[in-house]
């Protein structure tokens, strides 16, 4: 390869090409179909699960390229689809790519990926969990009535089987509140893979007193 073979904008001069020679290998072209593998990232929202395996339509595409590369290829891969925090099934048209740059798709370049997402198949109740107080101001004390609540959780069998009551924290946030009595919603900190279906009672009475009193 010589400098005269390189196209450059006006005013630019090529003085050297390194390396000045390249090696070319000629092969017979080959075409064949390979399966398409969907690329999925993330996890559904707490309490939801992926049902079955993601499906692709069509399931395979024809690739074309040098014989050795085509024989070596085992799959085509879709662009990545995120299912992070999803609460419903996802159907999305995406492009398809090949890892080996020597290969190309013969015709179609997009496919449809379906990911079925549904509520976790099981529910579990934990009873008598204490309600904690968060962000109580200085020089203040507080009492919660009732002081314990029940919580319902939803998720996969594996997630719920591993979950203990110590891993679920019930709380009210009294940040910024002064002395007085307040009806407050109860919140739950649970496993990132377990969804909260209900809290009973959902509201408690919080009495905040000044420590001076």
Protein backbone atom coordinates (compact mmCIF):
# COMPACT_ATOMS: atom_id res chain seq x y z
CA UNK A 1 0.00 0.00 0.00
CA UNK A 2 1.42 3.35 -1.07
CA UNK A 3 0.54 6.90 0.06
CA UNK A 4 -1.15 7.47 -3.33
CA UNK A 5 -3.77 4.83 -2.43
CA UNK A 6 -4.94 6.67 0.69
CA UNK A 7 -7.76 9.18 0.33
CA UNK A 8 -7.38 12.24 2.58
CA UNK A 9 -8.95 15.74 2.71
CA UNK A 10 -7.47 18.56 0.65
CA UNK A 11 -4.37 19.99 2.23
CA UNK A 12 -3.35 16.74 3.93
CA UNK A 13 -0.43 14.72 2.58
CA UNK A 14 0.23 11.08 3.40
CA UNK A 15 3.96 10.50 3.76
CA UNK A 16 4.02 6.90 4.99
CA UNK A 17 1.76 3.85 5.39
CA UNK A 18 2.70 1.33 8.06
CA UNK A 19 2.59 -1.55 7.47
CA UNK A 20 2.98 -1.10 3.74
CA UNK A 21 1.73 -4.62 2.95
CA UNK A 22 -1.23 -6.66 4.17
CA UNK A 23 -2.04 -10.34 3.85
CA UNK A 24 -5.33 -11.47 2.31
CA UNK A 25 -6.87 -14.91 2.69
CA UNK A 26 -9.54 -15.95 0.20
CA UNK A 27 -12.22 -18.44 1.25
CA UNK A 28 -15.42 -19.81 -0.16
CA UNK A 29 -18.50 -17.94 1.05
CA UNK A 30 -20.99 -19.90 3.12
CA UNK A 31 -24.49 -19.28 4.47
CA UNK A 32 -26.36 -21.08 7.22
CA UNK A 33 -28.93 -20.44 9.95
CA UNK A 34 -27.96 -19.93 13.58
CA UNK A 35 -30.22 -19.60 16.65
CA UNK A 36 -30.87 -16.17 18.15
CA UNK A 37 -30.14 -15.67 21.84
CA UNK A 38 -31.90 -12.77 23.61
CA UNK A 39 -29.70 -10.57 25.81
CA UNK A 40 -31.60 -9.72 29.02
CA UNK A 41 -30.34 -7.65 31.94
CA UNK A 42 -31.78 -6.67 35.31
CA UNK A 43 -34.43 -8.21 37.55
CA UNK A 44 -38.18 -7.56 37.76
CA UNK A 45 -39.66 -5.47 40.56
CA UNK A 46 -39.68 -7.03 44.03
CA UNK A 47 -42.33 -9.75 44.22
CA UNK A 48 -42.31 -10.37 40.45
CA UNK A 49 -40.59 -13.17 38.54
CA UNK A 50 -39.71 -14.10 34.97
CA UNK A 51 -41.99 -16.94 33.88
CA UNK A 52 -40.29 -19.50 31.65
CA UNK A 53 -37.56 -18.49 29.22
CA UNK A 54 -37.59 -15.38 27.02
CA UNK A 55 -38.68 -16.19 23.46
CA UNK A 56 -37.54 -14.76 20.13
CA UNK A 57 -39.46 -14.53 16.87
CA UNK A 58 -38.07 -15.67 14.52
CA UNK A 59 -35.93 -18.12 16.45
CA UNK A 60 -33.08 -18.15 13.92
CA UNK A 61 -31.57 -16.06 11.13
CA UNK A 62 -29.32 -16.80 8.16
CA UNK A 63 -25.75 -15.54 8.35
CA UNK A 64 -23.27 -15.13 5.50
CA UNK A 65 -19.49 -14.92 5.51
CA UNK A 66 -16.19 -16.77 5.04
CA UNK A 67 -16.59 -20.52 5.39
CA UNK A 68 -14.43 -20.89 8.51
CA UNK A 69 -16.19 -18.04 10.33
CA UNK A 70 -19.65 -19.30 9.44
CA UNK A 71 -18.83 -22.81 10.66
CA UNK A 72 -17.43 -21.39 13.89
CA UNK A 73 -20.47 -19.25 14.68
CA UNK A 74 -22.93 -20.81 17.12
CA UNK A 75 -25.45 -17.99 17.68
CA UNK A 76 -26.56 -14.45 16.97
CA UNK A 77 -27.29 -12.12 19.88
CA UNK A 78 -29.94 -9.42 20.25
CA UNK A 79 -29.28 -5.98 21.62
CA UNK A 80 -29.74 -5.88 25.39
CA UNK A 81 -33.24 -5.54 26.83
CA UNK A 82 -33.62 -4.27 30.40
CA UNK A 83 -36.32 -5.81 32.62
CA UNK A 84 -35.20 -3.89 35.73
CA UNK A 85 -38.16 -3.22 38.06
CA UNK A 86 -40.66 -4.48 35.48
CA UNK A 87 -44.14 -5.43 36.72
CA UNK A 88 -45.59 -6.58 33.40
CA UNK A 89 -44.53 -8.69 30.45
CA UNK A 90 -42.22 -7.07 27.90
CA UNK A 91 -42.49 -7.35 24.12
CA UNK A 92 -39.84 -5.45 22.20
CA UNK A 93 -38.44 -5.30 18.66
CA UNK A 94 -34.65 -5.26 18.75
CA UNK A 95 -31.74 -5.51 16.36
CA UNK A 96 -29.50 -8.56 16.05
CA UNK A 97 -25.72 -8.58 15.93
CA UNK A 98 -22.86 -11.00 15.42
CA UNK A 99 -19.66 -11.15 17.44
CA UNK A 100 -17.44 -11.95 14.46
CA UNK A 101 -17.09 -8.84 12.24
CA UNK A 102 -16.43 -11.08 9.22
CA UNK A 103 -20.05 -12.25 9.38
CA UNK A 104 -23.23 -10.48 8.37
CA UNK A 105 -26.94 -11.18 8.41
CA UNK A 106 -28.27 -12.19 5.02
CA UNK A 107 -31.59 -10.36 5.23
CA UNK A 108 -33.60 -9.63 8.36
CA UNK A 109 -31.87 -7.57 11.06
CA UNK A 110 -34.61 -7.19 13.70
CA UNK A 111 -36.51 -9.71 15.81
CA UNK A 112 -39.22 -9.61 18.48
CA UNK A 113 -38.32 -10.64 22.04
CA UNK A 114 -40.99 -11.61 24.56
CA UNK A 115 -40.27 -11.79 28.31
CA UNK A 116 -43.18 -12.98 30.44
CA UNK A 117 -43.25 -11.34 33.87
CA UNK A 118 -45.85 -12.11 36.53
CA UNK A 119 -46.40 -11.74 40.26
CA UNK A 120 -44.43 -14.22 42.35
CA UNK A 121 -46.28 -17.53 42.69
CA UNK A 122 -46.25 -17.59 46.51
CA UNK A 123 -47.27 -15.33 49.39
CA UNK A 124 -46.19 -15.43 53.01
CA UNK A 125 -47.34 -13.52 56.09
CA UNK A 126 -45.16 -12.42 58.99
CA UNK A 127 -47.02 -11.46 62.13
CA UNK A 128 -46.23 -9.31 65.14
CA UNK A 129 -43.31 -7.36 63.70
CA UNK A 130 -42.30 -4.35 65.83
CA UNK A 131 -42.67 -0.87 64.31
CA UNK A 132 -39.47 1.14 64.55
CA UNK A 133 -39.19 4.93 64.62
CA UNK A 134 -36.82 6.64 62.20
CA UNK A 135 -35.44 10.18 62.13
CA UNK A 136 -36.74 11.22 65.55
CA UNK A 137 -35.47 14.69 66.37
CA UNK A 138 -33.22 15.49 69.33
CA UNK A 139 -34.85 16.08 72.74
CA UNK A 140 -37.89 14.06 71.61
CA UNK A 141 -39.34 10.67 72.52
CA UNK A 142 -42.06 8.75 70.70
CA UNK A 143 -44.49 5.88 71.13
CA UNK A 144 -46.30 3.89 68.43
CA UNK A 145 -49.81 2.42 68.86
CA UNK A 146 -50.15 -0.38 67.98
CA UNK A 147 -46.48 -1.20 68.37
CA UNK A 148 -46.56 -4.33 66.14
CA UNK A 149 -48.05 -5.02 62.70
CA UNK A 150 -48.46 -7.92 60.25
CA UNK A 151 -46.99 -7.86 56.74
CA UNK A 152 -47.70 -9.91 53.61
CA UNK A 153 -44.86 -10.71 51.21
CA UNK A 154 -44.89 -12.10 47.69
CA UNK A 155 -42.09 -13.71 45.70
CA UNK A 156 -40.56 -16.93 44.47
CA UNK A 157 -40.53 -20.06 46.60
CA UNK A 158 -36.76 -19.77 47.03
CA UNK A 159 -36.87 -16.12 48.11
CA UNK A 160 -39.64 -16.59 50.67
CA UNK A 161 -38.13 -19.78 52.08
CA UNK A 162 -34.87 -17.96 52.87
CA UNK A 163 -36.55 -14.89 54.31
CA UNK A 164 -36.65 -14.55 58.10
CA UNK A 165 -38.55 -12.02 60.20
CA UNK A 166 -35.21 -10.43 61.21
CA UNK A 167 -34.70 -9.40 57.57
CA UNK A 168 -37.94 -7.40 57.44
CA UNK A 169 -38.03 -4.03 59.20
CA UNK A 170 -41.28 -2.14 59.75
CA UNK A 171 -40.95 1.58 60.45
CA UNK A 172 -42.51 5.03 60.49
CA UNK A 173 -40.53 8.10 59.44
CA UNK A 174 -41.08 11.06 61.78
CA UNK A 175 -38.40 13.29 60.30
CA UNK A 176 -39.23 16.98 60.77
CA UNK A 177 -42.12 16.37 63.20
CA UNK A 178 -42.35 17.98 66.61
CA UNK A 179 -44.35 17.14 69.70
CA UNK A 180 -47.88 15.96 68.97
CA UNK A 181 -49.92 12.98 67.83
CA UNK A 182 -49.91 11.87 64.22
CA UNK A 183 -51.52 9.11 62.13
CA UNK A 184 -48.70 7.67 60.03
CA UNK A 185 -48.29 5.09 57.30
CA UNK A 186 -46.15 2.08 58.11
CA UNK A 187 -43.36 1.21 55.67
CA UNK A 188 -41.40 -2.01 55.19
CA UNK A 189 -37.76 -2.70 54.39
CA UNK A 190 -37.63 -6.24 53.03
CA UNK A 191 -35.54 -8.36 50.70
CA UNK A 192 -34.99 -6.76 47.32
CA UNK A 193 -36.62 -9.82 45.75
CA UNK A 194 -39.76 -9.89 47.93
CA UNK A 195 -42.72 -7.61 47.26
CA UNK A 196 -44.92 -6.26 50.03
CA UNK A 197 -48.58 -7.06 49.37
CA UNK A 198 -50.12 -5.52 52.47
CA UNK A 199 -49.41 -4.16 55.96
CA UNK A 200 -52.03 -4.61 58.68
CA UNK A 201 -52.76 -2.14 60.10
CA UNK A 202 -51.44 0.17 57.40
CA UNK A 203 -51.62 3.23 59.65
CA UNK A 204 -50.56 3.65 63.28
CA UNK A 205 -50.78 6.48 65.79
CA UNK A 206 -47.47 8.08 66.75
CA UNK A 207 -47.26 10.26 69.83
CA UNK A 208 -44.16 12.46 70.02
CA UNK A 209 -43.26 14.06 73.34
CA UNK A 210 -40.66 16.60 74.30
CA UNK A 211 -37.97 15.04 76.48
CA UNK A 212 -38.30 18.03 78.83
CA UNK A 213 -41.80 16.87 79.64
